[in-house]
């Protein structure tokens, strides 16, 4: 059986384009989904250059479709002259109907929020990882910070021995 290298044809090795580190601090992420994203040509070129920010983005569901909003894809200076790139346009997310129905039910009935946690390449296509999240209160954030600091100090103490 032949081994596939990370740079094999048709695969980008699952490299990460953008991460939303703020999401883990602001929310309890209870479930994760993978969705495709509808992009234009100039956006794909910009993503290959790593020009994407999702820290302030969120997912909105309207008319039984999911849209990524607040995401910024900065156009390359060599973008085509006959189009006007809109870096913050709403981008449609591609999900199966049963996944959308489940997400709509969770958001409307149980009060969850949909947050993009990562954008990455998978087999030559751009994928968005969606987190089904519940918001943290201030005391929850302090507790998470305290636990993280304690684990860091504990590792430092054990390393010193």
N, C-alpha and C. Protein backbone atom coordinates (compact mmCIF):
# COMPACT_ATOMS: atom_id res chain seq x y z
N UNK A 1 0.85 -1.17 0.00
CA UNK A 1 0.00 0.00 0.00
C UNK A 1 0.89 1.23 0.00
N UNK A 2 0.63 2.15 -0.89
CA UNK A 2 1.46 3.35 -1.02
C UNK A 2 1.06 4.38 0.03
N UNK A 3 2.07 5.05 0.56
CA UNK A 3 1.82 6.11 1.52
C UNK A 3 1.54 7.40 0.79
N UNK A 4 0.55 8.13 1.26
CA UNK A 4 0.24 9.44 0.66
C UNK A 4 0.99 10.51 1.44
N UNK A 5 1.71 11.33 0.74
CA UNK A 5 2.40 12.43 1.41
C UNK A 5 1.42 13.59 1.59
N UNK A 6 1.80 14.53 2.45
CA UNK A 6 0.93 15.68 2.70
C UNK A 6 0.77 16.55 1.48
N UNK A 7 1.74 16.55 0.60
CA UNK A 7 1.67 17.40 -0.58
C UNK A 7 1.21 16.64 -1.81
N UNK A 8 0.45 15.55 -1.62
CA UNK A 8 -0.01 14.78 -2.76
C UNK A 8 -1.06 15.57 -3.53
N UNK A 9 -1.23 15.22 -4.77
CA UNK A 9 -2.14 15.94 -5.67
C UNK A 9 -3.57 15.84 -5.15
N UNK A 10 -4.27 16.96 -5.13
CA UNK A 10 -5.66 16.98 -4.71
C UNK A 10 -5.85 17.11 -3.21
N UNK A 11 -4.78 17.17 -2.45
CA UNK A 11 -4.90 17.29 -1.00
C UNK A 11 -3.93 18.34 -0.50
N UNK A 12 -4.40 19.17 0.41
CA UNK A 12 -3.55 20.20 0.99
C UNK A 12 -3.14 19.83 2.41
N UNK A 13 -3.30 18.57 2.78
CA UNK A 13 -2.83 18.11 4.07
C UNK A 13 -3.66 18.60 5.24
N UNK A 14 -4.86 19.13 5.00
CA UNK A 14 -5.69 19.60 6.08
C UNK A 14 -5.14 20.81 6.79
N UNK A 15 -4.42 21.67 6.08
CA UNK A 15 -3.80 22.82 6.72
C UNK A 15 -4.84 23.84 7.16
N UNK A 16 -4.58 24.46 8.28
CA UNK A 16 -5.51 25.42 8.86
C UNK A 16 -5.32 26.79 8.23
N UNK A 17 -6.41 27.43 7.89
CA UNK A 17 -6.38 28.78 7.31
C UNK A 17 -6.55 29.81 8.42
N UNK A 18 -7.57 29.63 9.27
CA UNK A 18 -7.84 30.59 10.35
C UNK A 18 -8.44 29.85 11.54
N UNK A 19 -8.11 30.32 12.74
CA UNK A 19 -8.65 29.78 13.98
C UNK A 19 -9.37 30.88 14.74
N UNK A 20 -10.40 30.50 15.46
CA UNK A 20 -11.13 31.44 16.32
C UNK A 20 -10.80 31.07 17.76
N UNK A 21 -9.68 31.57 18.26
CA UNK A 21 -9.25 31.26 19.63
C UNK A 21 -10.17 31.89 20.67
N UNK A 22 -10.80 32.98 20.30
CA UNK A 22 -11.69 33.69 21.21
C UNK A 22 -12.95 32.88 21.54
N UNK A 23 -13.33 31.97 20.63
CA UNK A 23 -14.55 31.20 20.84
C UNK A 23 -14.46 30.31 22.07
N UNK A 24 -13.31 29.70 22.32
CA UNK A 24 -13.16 28.83 23.49
C UNK A 24 -13.21 29.62 24.78
N UNK A 25 -12.81 30.89 24.73
CA UNK A 25 -12.85 31.73 25.92
C UNK A 25 -14.27 32.24 26.18
N UNK A 26 -15.01 32.53 25.13
CA UNK A 26 -16.33 33.13 25.28
C UNK A 26 -17.47 32.12 25.44
N UNK A 27 -17.27 30.87 24.96
CA UNK A 27 -18.36 29.90 24.90
C UNK A 27 -17.92 28.53 25.40
N UNK A 28 -18.90 27.74 25.86
CA UNK A 28 -18.74 26.31 26.07
C UNK A 28 -19.14 25.66 24.75
N UNK A 29 -18.20 25.04 24.05
CA UNK A 29 -18.51 24.42 22.77
C UNK A 29 -18.89 22.97 23.03
N UNK A 30 -20.15 22.64 22.74
CA UNK A 30 -20.67 21.33 23.10
C UNK A 30 -20.65 20.34 21.94
N UNK A 31 -20.77 20.81 20.71
CA UNK A 31 -20.78 19.92 19.56
C UNK A 31 -20.15 20.64 18.38
N UNK A 32 -19.55 19.88 17.48
CA UNK A 32 -18.88 20.48 16.32
C UNK A 32 -19.41 19.85 15.04
N UNK A 33 -19.57 20.68 14.01
CA UNK A 33 -20.01 20.24 12.70
C UNK A 33 -19.03 20.76 11.66
N UNK A 34 -18.96 20.06 10.54
CA UNK A 34 -18.12 20.49 9.43
C UNK A 34 -19.02 20.90 8.28
N UNK A 35 -18.75 22.08 7.71
CA UNK A 35 -19.56 22.58 6.61
C UNK A 35 -18.66 23.11 5.50
N UNK A 36 -19.15 23.01 4.29
CA UNK A 36 -18.47 23.64 3.17
C UNK A 36 -18.86 25.10 3.14
N UNK A 37 -18.19 25.87 2.31
CA UNK A 37 -18.48 27.29 2.22
C UNK A 37 -18.49 27.69 0.75
N UNK A 38 -19.44 28.53 0.39
CA UNK A 38 -19.58 28.99 -0.99
C UNK A 38 -18.70 30.22 -1.18
N UNK A 39 -17.70 30.11 -2.06
CA UNK A 39 -16.73 31.18 -2.25
C UNK A 39 -16.64 31.61 -3.71
N UNK A 40 -16.14 32.81 -3.91
CA UNK A 40 -15.84 33.29 -5.25
C UNK A 40 -14.36 33.03 -5.53
N UNK A 41 -13.95 33.19 -6.79
CA UNK A 41 -12.59 32.88 -7.19
C UNK A 41 -11.53 33.69 -6.47
N UNK A 42 -11.75 35.00 -6.33
CA UNK A 42 -10.75 35.84 -5.66
C UNK A 42 -10.62 35.48 -4.19
N UNK A 43 -11.72 34.97 -3.59
CA UNK A 43 -11.67 34.59 -2.18
C UNK A 43 -10.80 33.35 -1.98
N UNK A 44 -10.87 32.41 -2.90
CA UNK A 44 -10.04 31.21 -2.80
C UNK A 44 -8.57 31.58 -2.90
N UNK A 45 -8.24 32.49 -3.82
CA UNK A 45 -6.84 32.94 -3.94
C UNK A 45 -6.37 33.61 -2.66
N UNK A 46 -7.22 34.41 -2.06
CA UNK A 46 -6.86 35.07 -0.81
C UNK A 46 -6.69 34.07 0.33
N UNK A 47 -7.53 33.03 0.35
CA UNK A 47 -7.41 32.01 1.39
C UNK A 47 -6.10 31.24 1.24
N UNK A 48 -5.68 31.00 0.02
CA UNK A 48 -4.40 30.31 -0.19
C UNK A 48 -3.24 31.15 0.36
N UNK A 49 -3.42 32.47 0.36
CA UNK A 49 -2.41 33.37 0.92
C UNK A 49 -2.60 33.57 2.43
N UNK A 50 -3.67 33.00 3.00
CA UNK A 50 -3.91 33.08 4.44
C UNK A 50 -4.48 34.40 4.91
N UNK A 51 -5.25 35.07 4.07
CA UNK A 51 -5.80 36.39 4.41
C UNK A 51 -7.25 36.28 4.87
N UNK A 52 -7.46 35.68 6.03
CA UNK A 52 -8.81 35.52 6.55
C UNK A 52 -8.82 35.75 8.06
N UNK A 53 -9.87 36.39 8.55
CA UNK A 53 -10.06 36.61 9.98
C UNK A 53 -11.48 36.21 10.36
N UNK A 54 -11.61 35.32 11.36
CA UNK A 54 -12.94 34.88 11.79
C UNK A 54 -13.20 35.16 13.27
N UNK A 55 -12.37 35.98 13.90
CA UNK A 55 -12.51 36.18 15.34
C UNK A 55 -13.82 36.90 15.72
N UNK A 56 -14.33 37.74 14.87
CA UNK A 56 -15.57 38.47 15.17
C UNK A 56 -16.76 37.93 14.39
N UNK A 57 -16.63 36.74 13.80
CA UNK A 57 -17.70 36.23 12.95
C UNK A 57 -18.67 35.35 13.72
N UNK A 58 -19.83 35.13 13.13
CA UNK A 58 -20.86 34.29 13.70
C UNK A 58 -21.67 33.68 12.57
N UNK A 59 -22.52 32.72 12.92
CA UNK A 59 -23.34 32.05 11.91
C UNK A 59 -24.79 32.38 12.17
N UNK A 60 -25.45 32.82 11.12
CA UNK A 60 -26.85 33.21 11.19
C UNK A 60 -27.66 32.25 10.33
N UNK A 61 -28.81 31.83 10.84
CA UNK A 61 -29.69 30.96 10.07
C UNK A 61 -30.91 31.76 9.66
N UNK A 62 -31.12 31.85 8.35
CA UNK A 62 -32.30 32.54 7.83
C UNK A 62 -32.81 31.79 6.61
N UNK A 63 -34.12 31.69 6.50
CA UNK A 63 -34.78 30.98 5.40
C UNK A 63 -34.24 29.56 5.24
N UNK A 64 -34.04 28.88 6.36
CA UNK A 64 -33.55 27.50 6.40
C UNK A 64 -32.20 27.31 5.71
N UNK A 65 -31.37 28.33 5.76
CA UNK A 65 -30.01 28.27 5.25
C UNK A 65 -29.08 28.91 6.26
N UNK A 66 -27.84 28.45 6.30
CA UNK A 66 -26.85 28.99 7.23
C UNK A 66 -25.89 29.91 6.49
N UNK A 67 -25.58 31.06 7.09
CA UNK A 67 -24.69 32.04 6.49
C UNK A 67 -23.61 32.43 7.48
N UNK A 68 -22.38 32.55 6.99
CA UNK A 68 -21.26 33.02 7.78
C UNK A 68 -21.20 34.53 7.64
N UNK A 69 -21.32 35.24 8.76
CA UNK A 69 -21.34 36.70 8.74
C UNK A 69 -20.23 37.24 9.62
N UNK A 70 -19.73 38.42 9.26
CA UNK A 70 -18.70 39.07 10.05
C UNK A 70 -17.30 38.57 9.75
N UNK A 71 -17.17 37.67 8.82
CA UNK A 71 -15.88 37.10 8.44
C UNK A 71 -15.23 38.03 7.41
N UNK A 72 -13.94 38.26 7.54
CA UNK A 72 -13.24 39.15 6.62
C UNK A 72 -12.22 38.36 5.81
N UNK A 73 -12.34 38.43 4.50
CA UNK A 73 -11.35 37.87 3.59
C UNK A 73 -10.78 39.05 2.81
N UNK A 74 -9.53 39.39 3.09
CA UNK A 74 -8.90 40.54 2.46
C UNK A 74 -8.49 40.19 1.04
N UNK A 75 -8.93 40.97 0.04
CA UNK A 75 -8.57 40.65 -1.34
C UNK A 75 -7.10 40.92 -1.62
N UNK A 76 -6.53 40.12 -2.49
CA UNK A 76 -5.16 40.32 -2.91
C UNK A 76 -5.08 41.55 -3.81
N UNK A 77 -3.95 42.23 -3.83
CA UNK A 77 -3.83 43.39 -4.72
C UNK A 77 -3.89 43.01 -6.19
N UNK A 78 -3.66 41.75 -6.50
CA UNK A 78 -3.69 41.30 -7.89
C UNK A 78 -5.06 40.76 -8.29
N UNK A 79 -6.11 41.07 -7.50
CA UNK A 79 -7.45 40.60 -7.83
C UNK A 79 -7.90 41.23 -9.14
N UNK A 80 -8.83 40.60 -9.77
CA UNK A 80 -9.29 41.04 -11.08
C UNK A 80 -9.83 42.47 -11.03
N UNK A 81 -9.68 43.17 -12.14
CA UNK A 81 -10.11 44.57 -12.20
C UNK A 81 -11.58 44.71 -12.56
N UNK A 82 -12.21 43.67 -13.10
CA UNK A 82 -13.60 43.80 -13.52
C UNK A 82 -14.60 43.42 -12.43
N UNK A 83 -14.13 43.05 -11.25
CA UNK A 83 -15.04 42.77 -10.13
C UNK A 83 -14.71 43.71 -8.98
N UNK A 84 -15.70 43.97 -8.15
CA UNK A 84 -15.51 44.77 -6.94
C UNK A 84 -15.58 43.82 -5.75
N UNK A 85 -14.44 43.41 -5.20
CA UNK A 85 -14.48 42.46 -4.08
C UNK A 85 -15.08 43.08 -2.82
N UNK A 86 -15.96 42.33 -2.17
CA UNK A 86 -16.57 42.75 -0.91
C UNK A 86 -16.01 41.84 0.18
N UNK A 87 -15.06 42.33 1.00
CA UNK A 87 -14.38 41.47 1.97
C UNK A 87 -15.27 40.94 3.09
N UNK A 88 -16.41 41.58 3.36
CA UNK A 88 -17.24 41.15 4.50
C UNK A 88 -18.62 40.66 4.07
N UNK A 89 -18.75 40.18 2.86
CA UNK A 89 -20.07 39.72 2.40
C UNK A 89 -20.50 38.48 3.17
N UNK A 90 -21.81 38.19 3.16
CA UNK A 90 -22.34 37.00 3.82
C UNK A 90 -22.09 35.81 2.91
N UNK A 91 -21.49 34.76 3.46
CA UNK A 91 -21.14 33.57 2.68
C UNK A 91 -22.01 32.40 3.12
N UNK A 92 -22.60 31.72 2.16
CA UNK A 92 -23.48 30.61 2.45
C UNK A 92 -22.67 29.39 2.87
N UNK A 93 -23.15 28.70 3.91
CA UNK A 93 -22.52 27.47 4.37
C UNK A 93 -23.28 26.28 3.79
N UNK A 94 -22.55 25.27 3.39
CA UNK A 94 -23.13 24.11 2.73
C UNK A 94 -23.22 22.96 3.73
N UNK A 95 -24.44 22.67 4.15
CA UNK A 95 -24.71 21.60 5.12
C UNK A 95 -25.80 20.69 4.57
N UNK A 96 -25.86 19.47 5.07
CA UNK A 96 -26.95 18.57 4.73
C UNK A 96 -28.22 19.07 5.41
N UNK A 97 -29.37 18.72 4.84
CA UNK A 97 -30.66 19.16 5.37
C UNK A 97 -30.86 18.68 6.81
N UNK A 98 -30.49 17.44 7.11
CA UNK A 98 -30.69 16.93 8.47
C UNK A 98 -29.80 17.66 9.47
N UNK A 99 -28.60 18.06 9.04
CA UNK A 99 -27.73 18.83 9.92
C UNK A 99 -28.32 20.22 10.18
N UNK A 100 -28.82 20.84 9.11
CA UNK A 100 -29.44 22.16 9.27
C UNK A 100 -30.65 22.09 10.19
N UNK A 101 -31.50 21.07 10.00
CA UNK A 101 -32.68 20.93 10.85
C UNK A 101 -32.29 20.76 12.31
N UNK A 102 -31.25 19.98 12.57
CA UNK A 102 -30.79 19.77 13.95
C UNK A 102 -30.26 21.07 14.55
N UNK A 103 -29.47 21.81 13.76
CA UNK A 103 -28.93 23.08 14.25
C UNK A 103 -30.02 24.11 14.50
N UNK A 104 -30.99 24.18 13.59
CA UNK A 104 -32.10 25.13 13.77
C UNK A 104 -32.86 24.81 15.05
N UNK A 105 -33.12 23.54 15.30
CA UNK A 105 -33.82 23.13 16.52
C UNK A 105 -33.05 23.51 17.77
N UNK A 106 -31.73 23.29 17.76
CA UNK A 106 -30.91 23.61 18.94
C UNK A 106 -30.87 25.12 19.19
N UNK A 107 -30.75 25.88 18.12
CA UNK A 107 -30.62 27.34 18.27
C UNK A 107 -31.95 27.96 18.70
N UNK A 108 -33.04 27.54 18.09
CA UNK A 108 -34.34 28.17 18.39
C UNK A 108 -34.94 27.70 19.70
N UNK A 109 -34.87 26.41 19.99
CA UNK A 109 -35.55 25.88 21.17
C UNK A 109 -34.69 25.91 22.43
N UNK A 110 -33.40 25.64 22.28
CA UNK A 110 -32.55 25.52 23.46
C UNK A 110 -31.66 26.73 23.70
N UNK A 111 -31.64 27.68 22.78
CA UNK A 111 -30.88 28.91 23.01
C UNK A 111 -29.39 28.81 22.78
N UNK A 112 -28.96 27.87 21.95
CA UNK A 112 -27.54 27.76 21.64
C UNK A 112 -27.14 28.81 20.61
N UNK A 113 -25.84 28.99 20.43
CA UNK A 113 -25.27 29.90 19.45
C UNK A 113 -24.38 29.10 18.52
N UNK A 114 -24.33 29.52 17.25
CA UNK A 114 -23.44 28.87 16.29
C UNK A 114 -22.24 29.77 16.06
N UNK A 115 -21.04 29.22 16.29
CA UNK A 115 -19.80 29.99 16.19
C UNK A 115 -18.82 29.23 15.30
N UNK A 116 -18.20 29.92 14.33
CA UNK A 116 -17.15 29.25 13.56
C UNK A 116 -15.88 29.15 14.41
N UNK A 117 -15.32 27.95 14.51
CA UNK A 117 -14.13 27.77 15.33
C UNK A 117 -12.86 27.64 14.51
N UNK A 118 -12.97 27.16 13.28
CA UNK A 118 -11.78 27.00 12.43
C UNK A 118 -12.18 26.97 10.97
N UNK A 119 -11.26 27.38 10.11
CA UNK A 119 -11.40 27.26 8.66
C UNK A 119 -10.15 26.56 8.17
N UNK A 120 -10.33 25.52 7.36
CA UNK A 120 -9.18 24.72 6.94
C UNK A 120 -9.43 24.10 5.57
N UNK A 121 -8.35 23.58 4.98
CA UNK A 121 -8.42 22.87 3.71
C UNK A 121 -8.64 21.40 3.98
N UNK A 122 -9.51 20.77 3.19
CA UNK A 122 -9.71 19.33 3.28
C UNK A 122 -9.94 18.81 1.86
N UNK A 123 -8.98 18.06 1.37
CA UNK A 123 -9.03 17.48 0.03
C UNK A 123 -9.27 18.55 -1.03
N UNK A 124 -8.58 19.67 -0.90
CA UNK A 124 -8.66 20.74 -1.89
C UNK A 124 -9.87 21.64 -1.76
N UNK A 125 -10.67 21.46 -0.75
CA UNK A 125 -11.85 22.29 -0.54
C UNK A 125 -11.75 23.00 0.81
N UNK A 126 -12.40 24.14 0.89
CA UNK A 126 -12.38 24.91 2.13
C UNK A 126 -13.54 24.44 3.01
N UNK A 127 -13.23 24.11 4.25
CA UNK A 127 -14.24 23.67 5.22
C UNK A 127 -14.24 24.59 6.42
N UNK A 128 -15.42 24.75 7.03
CA UNK A 128 -15.59 25.56 8.23
C UNK A 128 -16.05 24.64 9.34
N UNK A 129 -15.39 24.70 10.48
CA UNK A 129 -15.82 23.94 11.65
C UNK A 129 -16.75 24.83 12.46
N UNK A 130 -17.98 24.35 12.64
CA UNK A 130 -19.01 25.10 13.36
C UNK A 130 -19.14 24.52 14.76
N UNK A 131 -19.12 25.39 15.76
CA UNK A 131 -19.31 24.95 17.13
C UNK A 131 -20.70 25.32 17.62
N UNK A 132 -21.43 24.33 18.14
CA UNK A 132 -22.71 24.57 18.78
C UNK A 132 -22.38 24.96 20.22
N UNK A 133 -22.59 26.22 20.57
CA UNK A 133 -22.02 26.75 21.80
C UNK A 133 -23.07 27.37 22.71
N UNK A 134 -22.71 27.40 23.99
CA UNK A 134 -23.49 28.06 25.02
C UNK A 134 -22.59 29.12 25.63
N UNK A 135 -23.08 30.32 25.83
CA UNK A 135 -22.27 31.43 26.33
C UNK A 135 -21.79 31.23 27.75
N UNK A 136 -20.58 31.70 28.04
CA UNK A 136 -20.03 31.64 29.39
C UNK A 136 -20.35 32.93 30.14
N UNK A 137 -20.56 32.79 31.43
CA UNK A 137 -20.69 33.94 32.30
C UNK A 137 -19.30 34.37 32.74
N UNK A 138 -19.18 35.53 33.36
CA UNK A 138 -17.88 36.05 33.78
C UNK A 138 -17.20 35.12 34.78
N UNK A 139 -17.97 34.55 35.71
CA UNK A 139 -17.36 33.66 36.71
C UNK A 139 -16.86 32.37 36.05
N UNK A 140 -17.51 31.92 34.98
CA UNK A 140 -17.03 30.74 34.26
C UNK A 140 -15.69 31.02 33.60
N UNK A 141 -15.53 32.22 33.05
CA UNK A 141 -14.28 32.59 32.40
C UNK A 141 -13.15 32.67 33.43
N UNK A 142 -13.47 33.23 34.61
CA UNK A 142 -12.45 33.32 35.66
C UNK A 142 -12.03 31.94 36.14
N UNK A 143 -13.00 31.05 36.25
CA UNK A 143 -12.70 29.69 36.68
C UNK A 143 -11.83 28.97 35.65
N UNK A 144 -12.11 29.15 34.38
CA UNK A 144 -11.30 28.52 33.33
C UNK A 144 -9.88 29.09 33.34
N UNK A 145 -9.74 30.40 33.56
CA UNK A 145 -8.41 31.01 33.66
C UNK A 145 -7.65 30.46 34.87
N UNK A 146 -8.34 30.31 35.99
CA UNK A 146 -7.72 29.79 37.20
C UNK A 146 -7.24 28.35 36.99
N UNK A 147 -8.06 27.53 36.35
CA UNK A 147 -7.67 26.15 36.07
C UNK A 147 -6.47 26.08 35.13
N UNK A 148 -6.47 26.91 34.10
CA UNK A 148 -5.36 26.93 33.16
C UNK A 148 -4.06 27.35 33.86
N UNK A 149 -4.14 28.38 34.71
CA UNK A 149 -2.95 28.83 35.43
C UNK A 149 -2.44 27.75 36.39
N UNK A 150 -3.37 27.06 37.07
CA UNK A 150 -2.96 26.02 38.00
C UNK A 150 -2.29 24.87 37.25
N UNK A 151 -2.84 24.46 36.12
CA UNK A 151 -2.22 23.38 35.34
C UNK A 151 -0.83 23.77 34.84
N UNK A 152 -0.66 25.02 34.46
CA UNK A 152 0.65 25.50 34.03
C UNK A 152 1.65 25.47 35.19
N UNK A 153 1.22 25.96 36.38
CA UNK A 153 2.10 25.95 37.55
C UNK A 153 2.42 24.51 37.98
N UNK A 154 1.43 23.63 37.91
CA UNK A 154 1.65 22.24 38.29
C UNK A 154 2.67 21.58 37.36
N UNK A 155 2.57 21.83 36.08
CA UNK A 155 3.54 21.27 35.12
C UNK A 155 4.94 21.83 35.37
N UNK A 156 5.01 23.11 35.73
CA UNK A 156 6.30 23.74 36.02
C UNK A 156 6.93 23.10 37.27
N UNK A 157 6.13 22.85 38.30
CA UNK A 157 6.63 22.24 39.53
C UNK A 157 7.11 20.81 39.25
N UNK A 158 6.34 20.05 38.51
CA UNK A 158 6.72 18.67 38.22
C UNK A 158 7.96 18.60 37.34
N UNK A 159 8.13 19.56 36.45
CA UNK A 159 9.29 19.60 35.59
C UNK A 159 10.56 19.90 36.40
N UNK A 160 10.42 20.73 37.43
CA UNK A 160 11.56 21.13 38.26
C UNK A 160 12.09 19.96 39.09
N UNK A 161 11.25 18.99 39.40
CA UNK A 161 11.67 17.85 40.23
C UNK A 161 12.45 16.92 39.43
